[in-house]
N, C-alpha and C. Protein backbone atom coordinates (compact mmCIF):
# COMPACT_ATOMS: atom_id res chain seq x y z
N MET A 1 4.05 16.79 -2.55
CA MET A 1 4.13 15.68 -3.21
C MET A 1 3.65 15.57 -1.90
N ARG A 2 2.07 14.47 -2.50
CA ARG A 2 1.71 14.02 -1.48
C ARG A 2 2.21 12.77 -0.75
N ARG A 3 1.97 11.78 0.13
CA ARG A 3 2.71 10.28 0.39
C ARG A 3 1.50 9.85 0.90
N LEU A 4 1.62 8.70 0.03
CA LEU A 4 0.40 8.13 -0.16
C LEU A 4 0.86 6.33 0.31
N PHE A 5 -0.05 5.93 1.66
CA PHE A 5 0.85 4.73 2.22
C PHE A 5 -0.27 3.35 1.12
N LEU A 6 0.39 2.64 0.86
CA LEU A 6 -0.61 1.78 -0.08
C LEU A 6 -0.48 0.04 0.61
N ASP A 7 -1.90 0.25 0.91
CA ASP A 7 -1.81 -1.57 1.13
C ASP A 7 -1.61 -2.34 0.58
N THR A 8 -1.31 -3.77 1.35
CA THR A 8 -0.81 -4.87 -0.08
C THR A 8 -2.64 -4.85 -1.37
N ASN A 9 -3.66 -4.49 -0.96
CA ASN A 9 -4.24 -5.49 -1.55
C ASN A 9 -4.43 -4.41 -3.33
N ILE A 10 -3.97 -3.02 -3.19
CA ILE A 10 -4.02 -2.05 -4.37
C ILE A 10 -2.02 -2.77 -5.07
N VAL A 11 -1.16 -2.86 -3.95
CA VAL A 11 0.06 -3.40 -4.79
C VAL A 11 -0.51 -4.27 -5.44
N VAL A 12 -1.18 -6.04 -5.16
CA VAL A 12 -1.49 -6.55 -5.57
C VAL A 12 -2.04 -6.36 -7.03
N ASP A 13 -3.47 -5.64 -6.86
CA ASP A 13 -4.72 -5.70 -7.36
C ASP A 13 -3.48 -4.92 -9.33
N LEU A 14 -2.26 -3.91 -8.87
CA LEU A 14 -1.28 -3.91 -10.04
C LEU A 14 -0.34 -4.99 -11.03
N LEU A 15 -0.34 -6.32 -9.75
CA LEU A 15 0.73 -6.57 -10.00
C LEU A 15 0.23 -8.30 -10.90
N ASP A 16 -1.16 -8.35 -10.28
CA ASP A 16 -1.64 -9.44 -10.62
C ASP A 16 -2.76 -9.33 -11.45
N ARG A 17 -2.77 -8.02 -11.18
CA ARG A 17 -3.59 -6.93 -12.77
C ARG A 17 -5.77 -7.87 -12.76
N ARG A 18 -5.17 -7.80 -11.62
CA ARG A 18 -6.94 -7.62 -10.94
C ARG A 18 -8.22 -7.09 -11.39
N GLU A 19 -8.83 -7.43 -11.92
CA GLU A 19 -10.40 -6.66 -12.44
C GLU A 19 -10.91 -6.42 -11.43
N PRO A 20 -11.76 -5.32 -11.63
CA PRO A 20 -11.85 -4.48 -12.29
C PRO A 20 -10.36 -3.38 -11.72
N PHE A 21 -9.97 -3.39 -10.74
CA PHE A 21 -9.18 -2.85 -9.61
C PHE A 21 -7.74 -1.99 -9.95
N CYS A 22 -7.26 -2.94 -10.67
CA CYS A 22 -5.26 -2.56 -11.26
C CYS A 22 -6.08 -1.14 -12.46
N HIS A 23 -7.36 -1.07 -12.97
CA HIS A 23 -7.04 0.35 -13.57
C HIS A 23 -6.41 1.63 -12.47
N ASP A 24 -7.05 1.33 -11.75
CA ASP A 24 -6.91 2.42 -10.48
C ASP A 24 -5.93 2.33 -10.15
N ALA A 25 -4.94 1.32 -9.48
CA ALA A 25 -3.85 0.68 -9.05
C ALA A 25 -2.71 1.15 -10.82
N VAL A 26 -2.74 1.59 -11.37
CA VAL A 26 -2.12 1.61 -12.63
C VAL A 26 -1.94 3.47 -12.70
N ARG A 27 -2.85 3.86 -12.65
CA ARG A 27 -3.11 5.81 -12.62
C ARG A 27 -1.94 6.18 -11.25
N LEU A 28 -2.15 4.44 -10.28
CA LEU A 28 -1.66 5.61 -9.28
C LEU A 28 0.26 5.36 -8.98
N PHE A 29 -0.10 4.84 -9.73
CA PHE A 29 1.25 4.10 -10.26
C PHE A 29 2.10 4.84 -11.23
N SER A 30 1.61 5.42 -11.90
CA SER A 30 1.46 6.27 -13.21
C SER A 30 2.15 7.80 -12.96
N MET A 31 1.21 8.01 -11.56
CA MET A 31 1.61 9.32 -11.01
C MET A 31 3.21 9.35 -9.96
N ALA A 32 3.00 8.27 -9.85
CA ALA A 32 4.30 7.55 -8.59
C ALA A 32 5.17 8.03 -9.94
N TYR A 33 5.00 7.49 -11.28
CA TYR A 33 6.76 7.17 -11.38
C TYR A 33 6.45 8.88 -12.07
N ASN A 34 5.50 9.84 -12.88
CA ASN A 34 5.79 10.71 -13.32
C ASN A 34 6.21 12.03 -12.20
N GLU A 35 6.10 11.67 -10.28
CA GLU A 35 6.66 12.26 -9.51
C GLU A 35 5.84 13.08 -8.75
N GLN A 36 4.87 12.78 -8.86
CA GLN A 36 3.33 13.36 -8.96
C GLN A 36 2.72 12.89 -7.45
N VAL A 37 2.98 11.84 -6.52
CA VAL A 37 3.15 11.55 -5.35
C VAL A 37 4.01 10.72 -5.22
N GLN A 38 4.29 10.13 -4.07
CA GLN A 38 5.11 8.96 -3.76
C GLN A 38 4.23 8.29 -2.62
N LEU A 39 4.52 6.82 -3.37
CA LEU A 39 3.89 5.98 -2.73
C LEU A 39 4.90 5.44 -1.42
N VAL A 40 4.42 4.88 -0.42
CA VAL A 40 5.14 4.37 0.45
C VAL A 40 4.69 2.83 0.24
N VAL A 41 5.04 1.14 0.86
CA VAL A 41 4.59 0.53 1.40
C VAL A 41 5.76 0.11 2.61
N SER A 42 4.88 -0.83 3.56
CA SER A 42 5.31 -1.78 4.64
C SER A 42 6.45 -2.73 4.30
N PRO A 43 8.12 -3.17 4.64
CA PRO A 43 8.24 -4.47 3.74
C PRO A 43 7.58 -5.58 3.75
N MET A 44 6.30 -5.65 4.94
CA MET A 44 5.12 -6.37 4.63
C MET A 44 4.74 -7.40 3.43
N THR A 45 5.05 -5.43 3.09
CA THR A 45 3.96 -5.88 1.71
C THR A 45 4.66 -7.40 0.19
N PHE A 46 5.97 -6.99 0.27
CA PHE A 46 6.59 -7.69 -0.47
C PHE A 46 6.68 -9.18 -0.16
N ALA A 47 6.51 -9.34 1.23
CA ALA A 47 6.51 -10.31 1.61
C ALA A 47 4.80 -11.34 1.43
N THR A 48 3.67 -10.36 2.05
CA THR A 48 2.50 -11.30 2.04
C THR A 48 2.70 -11.13 0.18
N ALA A 49 2.89 -10.04 -0.55
CA ALA A 49 2.79 -10.33 -2.23
C ALA A 49 3.34 -11.47 -3.34
N SER A 50 4.40 -11.48 -2.28
CA SER A 50 5.31 -12.89 -2.99
C SER A 50 4.47 -13.82 -2.69
N PHE A 51 3.48 -13.96 -1.44
CA PHE A 51 2.99 -15.32 -1.17
C PHE A 51 1.54 -14.98 -2.02
N LEU A 52 1.12 -14.20 -2.15
CA LEU A 52 -0.46 -14.12 -3.12
C LEU A 52 0.18 -14.16 -4.51
N LEU A 53 1.36 -14.02 -5.34
CA LEU A 53 1.50 -14.66 -7.28
C LEU A 53 2.26 -15.52 -6.43
N ARG A 54 2.38 -16.45 -5.83
CA ARG A 54 2.71 -17.73 -6.10
C ARG A 54 2.76 -18.61 -7.10
N LYS A 55 1.63 -18.35 -7.89
CA LYS A 55 1.17 -18.44 -8.98
C LYS A 55 2.07 -18.45 -10.12
N HIS A 56 2.79 -17.30 -10.48
CA HIS A 56 4.18 -17.03 -10.83
C HIS A 56 5.18 -17.65 -10.60
N SER A 57 6.01 -17.76 -11.70
CA SER A 57 7.14 -18.37 -11.47
C SER A 57 8.26 -17.41 -10.55
N THR A 58 9.22 -18.18 -9.53
CA THR A 58 9.40 -17.42 -9.09
C THR A 58 10.67 -16.26 -9.28
N ASP A 59 10.94 -16.67 -10.40
CA ASP A 59 11.27 -15.34 -11.68
C ASP A 59 11.04 -14.60 -11.16
N GLY A 60 9.60 -14.90 -12.27
CA GLY A 60 9.22 -13.16 -12.55
C GLY A 60 8.37 -13.24 -11.26
N VAL A 61 8.43 -13.57 -10.05
CA VAL A 61 7.52 -13.08 -8.70
C VAL A 61 8.37 -12.04 -8.49
N ARG A 62 9.82 -12.31 -8.68
CA ARG A 62 10.80 -10.99 -8.14
C ARG A 62 11.04 -9.95 -9.27
N ASN A 63 10.68 -10.51 -10.04
CA ASN A 63 10.93 -9.28 -11.72
C ASN A 63 9.68 -8.14 -10.97
N LEU A 64 8.74 -8.87 -10.67
CA LEU A 64 7.28 -7.49 -10.61
C LEU A 64 7.89 -7.16 -9.48
N LEU A 65 8.46 -8.13 -8.49
CA LEU A 65 8.36 -7.19 -6.92
C LEU A 65 10.03 -5.84 -6.98
N SER A 66 10.32 -5.96 -8.11
CA SER A 66 11.53 -5.85 -8.20
C SER A 66 11.11 -4.56 -8.75
N ASN A 67 10.50 -4.67 -9.78
CA ASN A 67 9.61 -3.66 -10.64
C ASN A 67 9.07 -2.66 -9.70
N LEU A 68 8.22 -3.36 -9.15
CA LEU A 68 7.19 -2.35 -7.77
C LEU A 68 8.78 -1.50 -6.76
N ARG A 69 9.69 -2.06 -6.31
CA ARG A 69 9.85 -1.55 -5.73
C ARG A 69 10.61 -0.34 -6.14
N GLN A 70 10.74 -0.07 -8.10
CA GLN A 70 11.59 1.28 -8.32
C GLN A 70 10.48 2.66 -8.10
N LEU A 71 9.51 2.34 -8.24
CA LEU A 71 8.37 2.52 -7.77
C LEU A 71 7.92 3.14 -6.71
N VAL A 72 7.92 2.76 -5.56
CA VAL A 72 7.62 2.42 -4.27
C VAL A 72 9.16 3.32 -2.66
N SER A 73 8.45 3.36 -2.08
CA SER A 73 10.01 3.82 -0.67
C SER A 73 9.13 2.78 0.14
N VAL A 74 9.64 2.37 0.55
CA VAL A 74 10.01 1.04 2.07
C VAL A 74 10.11 1.85 3.12
N ALA A 75 8.58 1.63 4.25
CA ALA A 75 8.69 2.88 5.09
C ALA A 75 9.46 1.56 6.14
N THR A 76 10.17 1.91 7.34
CA THR A 76 10.67 1.05 8.73
C THR A 76 9.96 0.58 9.45
N THR A 77 9.57 -0.50 10.01
CA THR A 77 8.84 -1.14 10.76
C THR A 77 10.15 -1.27 11.97
N GLU A 78 9.99 -0.51 12.81
CA GLU A 78 10.36 -1.04 13.81
C GLU A 78 9.58 -1.79 15.61
N GLU A 79 10.58 -1.87 16.42
CA GLU A 79 9.23 -2.57 17.42
C GLU A 79 8.83 -1.17 18.01
N ARG A 80 8.77 -0.59 18.50
CA ARG A 80 7.46 0.48 17.98
C ARG A 80 6.30 -0.02 16.92
N THR A 81 6.10 -0.03 15.99
CA THR A 81 5.32 -0.12 14.77
C THR A 81 4.83 -1.79 15.69
N VAL A 82 4.94 -2.79 16.04
CA VAL A 82 4.61 -3.63 16.52
C VAL A 82 3.81 -3.92 18.12
N ASP A 83 4.69 -3.04 18.65
CA ASP A 83 4.75 -2.29 20.45
C ASP A 83 3.49 -2.02 20.10
N ASP A 84 2.86 -0.93 19.19
CA ASP A 84 1.81 0.12 18.74
C ASP A 84 0.92 -1.02 18.13
N SER A 85 1.27 -1.25 17.33
CA SER A 85 0.17 -2.89 16.74
C SER A 85 -0.29 -3.88 17.76
N LEU A 86 -0.19 -4.51 19.07
CA LEU A 86 0.21 -5.25 19.96
C LEU A 86 -0.71 -4.37 21.04
N ALA A 87 -0.81 -3.11 20.96
CA ALA A 87 -1.65 -2.27 21.98
C ALA A 87 -3.04 -1.91 21.46
N SER A 88 -3.23 -2.00 19.83
CA SER A 88 -3.94 -0.95 19.98
C SER A 88 -5.36 -1.74 19.49
N GLN A 89 -6.38 -0.97 19.41
CA GLN A 89 -7.91 -1.63 18.83
C GLN A 89 -8.55 -2.17 18.15
N PHE A 90 -7.10 -2.33 16.68
CA PHE A 90 -7.53 -3.15 15.75
C PHE A 90 -7.97 -3.95 15.52
N GLN A 91 -8.89 -5.30 14.81
CA GLN A 91 -8.69 -6.38 15.56
C GLN A 91 -8.37 -7.27 14.55
N ASP A 92 -7.64 -6.93 14.06
CA ASP A 92 -6.47 -7.53 12.55
C ASP A 92 -4.67 -7.14 12.90
N ILE A 93 -4.03 -8.01 13.92
CA ILE A 93 -2.77 -7.55 13.96
C ILE A 93 -1.74 -6.40 11.82
N GLU A 94 -1.83 -7.41 11.29
CA GLU A 94 -1.59 -7.13 10.21
C GLU A 94 -1.98 -6.18 10.01
N ASP A 95 -3.48 -5.88 10.10
CA ASP A 95 -4.22 -4.37 9.52
C ASP A 95 -3.16 -3.24 11.11
N ALA A 96 -3.40 -3.49 12.07
CA ALA A 96 -2.59 -2.51 12.92
C ALA A 96 -1.24 -2.41 11.87
N MET A 97 -0.67 -3.22 11.95
CA MET A 97 1.23 -3.45 11.50
C MET A 97 1.18 -2.61 10.15
N GLN A 98 0.21 -2.31 9.24
CA GLN A 98 0.44 -1.97 8.36
C GLN A 98 -0.25 -0.29 8.97
N TYR A 99 -0.72 -0.02 9.30
CA TYR A 99 -1.63 0.95 9.97
C TYR A 99 -0.28 1.39 10.60
N TYR A 100 -0.08 1.49 11.29
CA TYR A 100 1.20 1.40 12.55
C TYR A 100 2.96 1.95 11.90
N THR A 101 2.99 1.71 10.51
CA THR A 101 3.63 1.86 9.41
C THR A 101 3.53 2.79 8.76
N ALA A 102 1.79 3.05 8.52
CA ALA A 102 2.02 4.12 7.39
C ALA A 102 1.75 4.84 8.55
N LEU A 103 1.19 5.96 9.86
CA LEU A 103 1.66 6.44 10.78
C LEU A 103 3.04 6.87 11.26
N HIS A 104 3.63 5.67 11.36
CA HIS A 104 5.30 6.32 11.86
C HIS A 104 6.30 7.00 9.96
N ALA A 105 4.89 6.94 9.13
CA ALA A 105 6.16 6.97 7.71
C ALA A 105 5.67 8.73 7.51
N ASN A 106 4.37 9.19 8.40
CA ASN A 106 4.07 10.26 7.88
C ASN A 106 3.11 10.23 7.10
N ALA A 107 2.63 9.33 6.30
CA ALA A 107 2.14 9.50 5.01
C ALA A 107 0.62 10.17 5.46
N GLU A 108 0.22 10.44 4.30
CA GLU A 108 -0.99 11.42 4.78
C GLU A 108 -2.65 11.28 4.06
N ALA A 109 -2.50 10.07 3.22
CA ALA A 109 -2.94 8.90 3.28
C ALA A 109 -3.35 7.46 3.17
N ILE A 110 -3.78 6.43 3.35
CA ILE A 110 -3.97 4.90 3.80
C ILE A 110 -4.62 4.67 2.45
N ILE A 111 -4.19 4.10 1.28
CA ILE A 111 -5.22 3.46 -0.05
C ILE A 111 -5.20 2.32 0.42
N THR A 112 -6.70 1.76 0.40
CA THR A 112 -6.94 0.66 0.82
C THR A 112 -8.19 0.39 -0.24
N ARG A 113 -8.48 -1.61 -0.10
CA ARG A 113 -9.66 -1.56 -0.63
C ARG A 113 -10.73 -2.05 0.83
N ASN A 114 -10.30 -2.20 1.75
CA ASN A 114 -10.59 -2.87 2.83
C ASN A 114 -10.76 -1.53 3.73
N GLY A 115 -11.40 -0.39 4.11
CA GLY A 115 -11.49 1.06 4.66
C GLY A 115 -11.99 0.10 5.84
N LYS A 116 -12.83 -0.79 5.54
CA LYS A 116 -13.32 -1.37 7.24
C LYS A 116 -12.50 -1.79 8.23
N ASP A 117 -10.96 -2.18 7.49
CA ASP A 117 -10.18 -2.70 8.46
C ASP A 117 -8.80 -1.65 9.05
N PHE A 118 -9.60 -0.56 8.57
CA PHE A 118 -8.61 1.07 9.00
C PHE A 118 -9.56 1.76 9.94
N THR A 119 -11.12 1.02 10.70
CA THR A 119 -11.71 2.36 11.42
C THR A 119 -11.64 3.04 12.14
N ALA A 120 -10.28 2.42 13.29
CA ALA A 120 -9.19 3.22 13.87
C ALA A 120 -8.65 4.31 13.32
N SER A 121 -8.17 4.49 11.95
CA SER A 121 -7.46 5.05 11.19
C SER A 121 -7.44 6.91 11.87
N ARG A 122 -6.47 7.43 12.73
CA ARG A 122 -5.85 8.77 12.14
C ARG A 122 -6.08 9.58 11.07
N ILE A 123 -5.48 8.70 10.18
CA ILE A 123 -5.00 9.50 8.93
C ILE A 123 -6.23 9.16 8.00
N PRO A 124 -7.04 10.20 7.27
CA PRO A 124 -7.53 9.77 6.19
C PRO A 124 -7.17 8.24 5.37
N VAL A 125 -8.35 7.20 5.63
CA VAL A 125 -8.65 6.12 4.72
C VAL A 125 -9.32 6.52 3.20
N MET A 126 -9.01 5.66 2.29
CA MET A 126 -10.05 5.62 1.04
C MET A 126 -9.34 5.22 0.40
N THR A 127 -10.49 4.39 -1.39
CA THR A 127 -9.87 3.52 -2.06
C THR A 127 -8.83 4.56 -3.11
N ALA A 128 -8.52 3.85 -4.26
CA ALA A 128 -7.26 3.82 -4.72
C ALA A 128 -8.35 5.00 -5.42
N SER A 129 -9.40 4.85 -6.38
CA SER A 129 -10.63 5.49 -6.75
C SER A 129 -10.71 7.07 -6.16
N GLU A 130 -11.31 7.32 -4.76
CA GLU A 130 -11.96 7.66 -4.76
C GLU A 130 -11.12 8.89 -3.89
N TYR A 131 -9.34 8.63 -3.69
CA TYR A 131 -7.73 9.32 -3.89
C TYR A 131 -8.11 9.87 -4.94
N LEU A 132 -8.09 8.90 -6.38
CA LEU A 132 -7.93 9.76 -8.07
C LEU A 132 -8.85 10.60 -7.55
N SER A 133 -10.37 10.44 -7.81
CA SER A 133 -11.01 11.87 -7.54
C SER A 133 -11.17 13.01 -7.01
N THR A 134 -10.15 13.06 -6.42
CA THR A 134 -9.49 13.83 -5.72
C THR A 134 -8.65 15.01 -6.83
N VAL A 135 -7.03 14.16 -7.31
CA VAL A 135 -6.56 14.67 -7.94
C VAL A 135 -6.97 15.25 -9.27
N ASN A 136 -6.63 16.82 -9.63
CA ASN A 136 -6.74 17.39 -11.20
C ASN A 136 -5.34 17.36 -12.20
N PHE A 137 -6.29 16.22 -12.87
CA PHE A 137 -5.00 15.81 -14.11
C PHE A 137 -5.11 17.26 -14.60
N ASP A 138 -5.07 18.47 -14.54
CA ASP A 138 -4.71 19.38 -15.88
C ASP A 138 -3.15 19.60 -16.25
């Protein structure tokens, strides 16, 4: 089973139903529900998503994140992740943290809408649409 690391923007696309991106996010999460892929996120994704979704009620956000948790694995973030991020060539520390979390979690790809943020990646980086175009749904 493919192990895909999701950048926070993909998660928020789904949870906030951001058009037109939510449709590909729904397809990815459906694949996880059907055990066709394993989706991995960092713990930071839950914190960032809760902040970005704050326009919803607190109970609504908790419910969305609880449902999300049923479909994703949460990668561990350790001192090594922070140290690697701080020593990296990434311009943005948050992107570096996401990348090193994905790397240490043995993700096969990073799925994001901001590929330019991951130009230093040794892991393939693609949009949800690009990944879905590689999948045979027969």
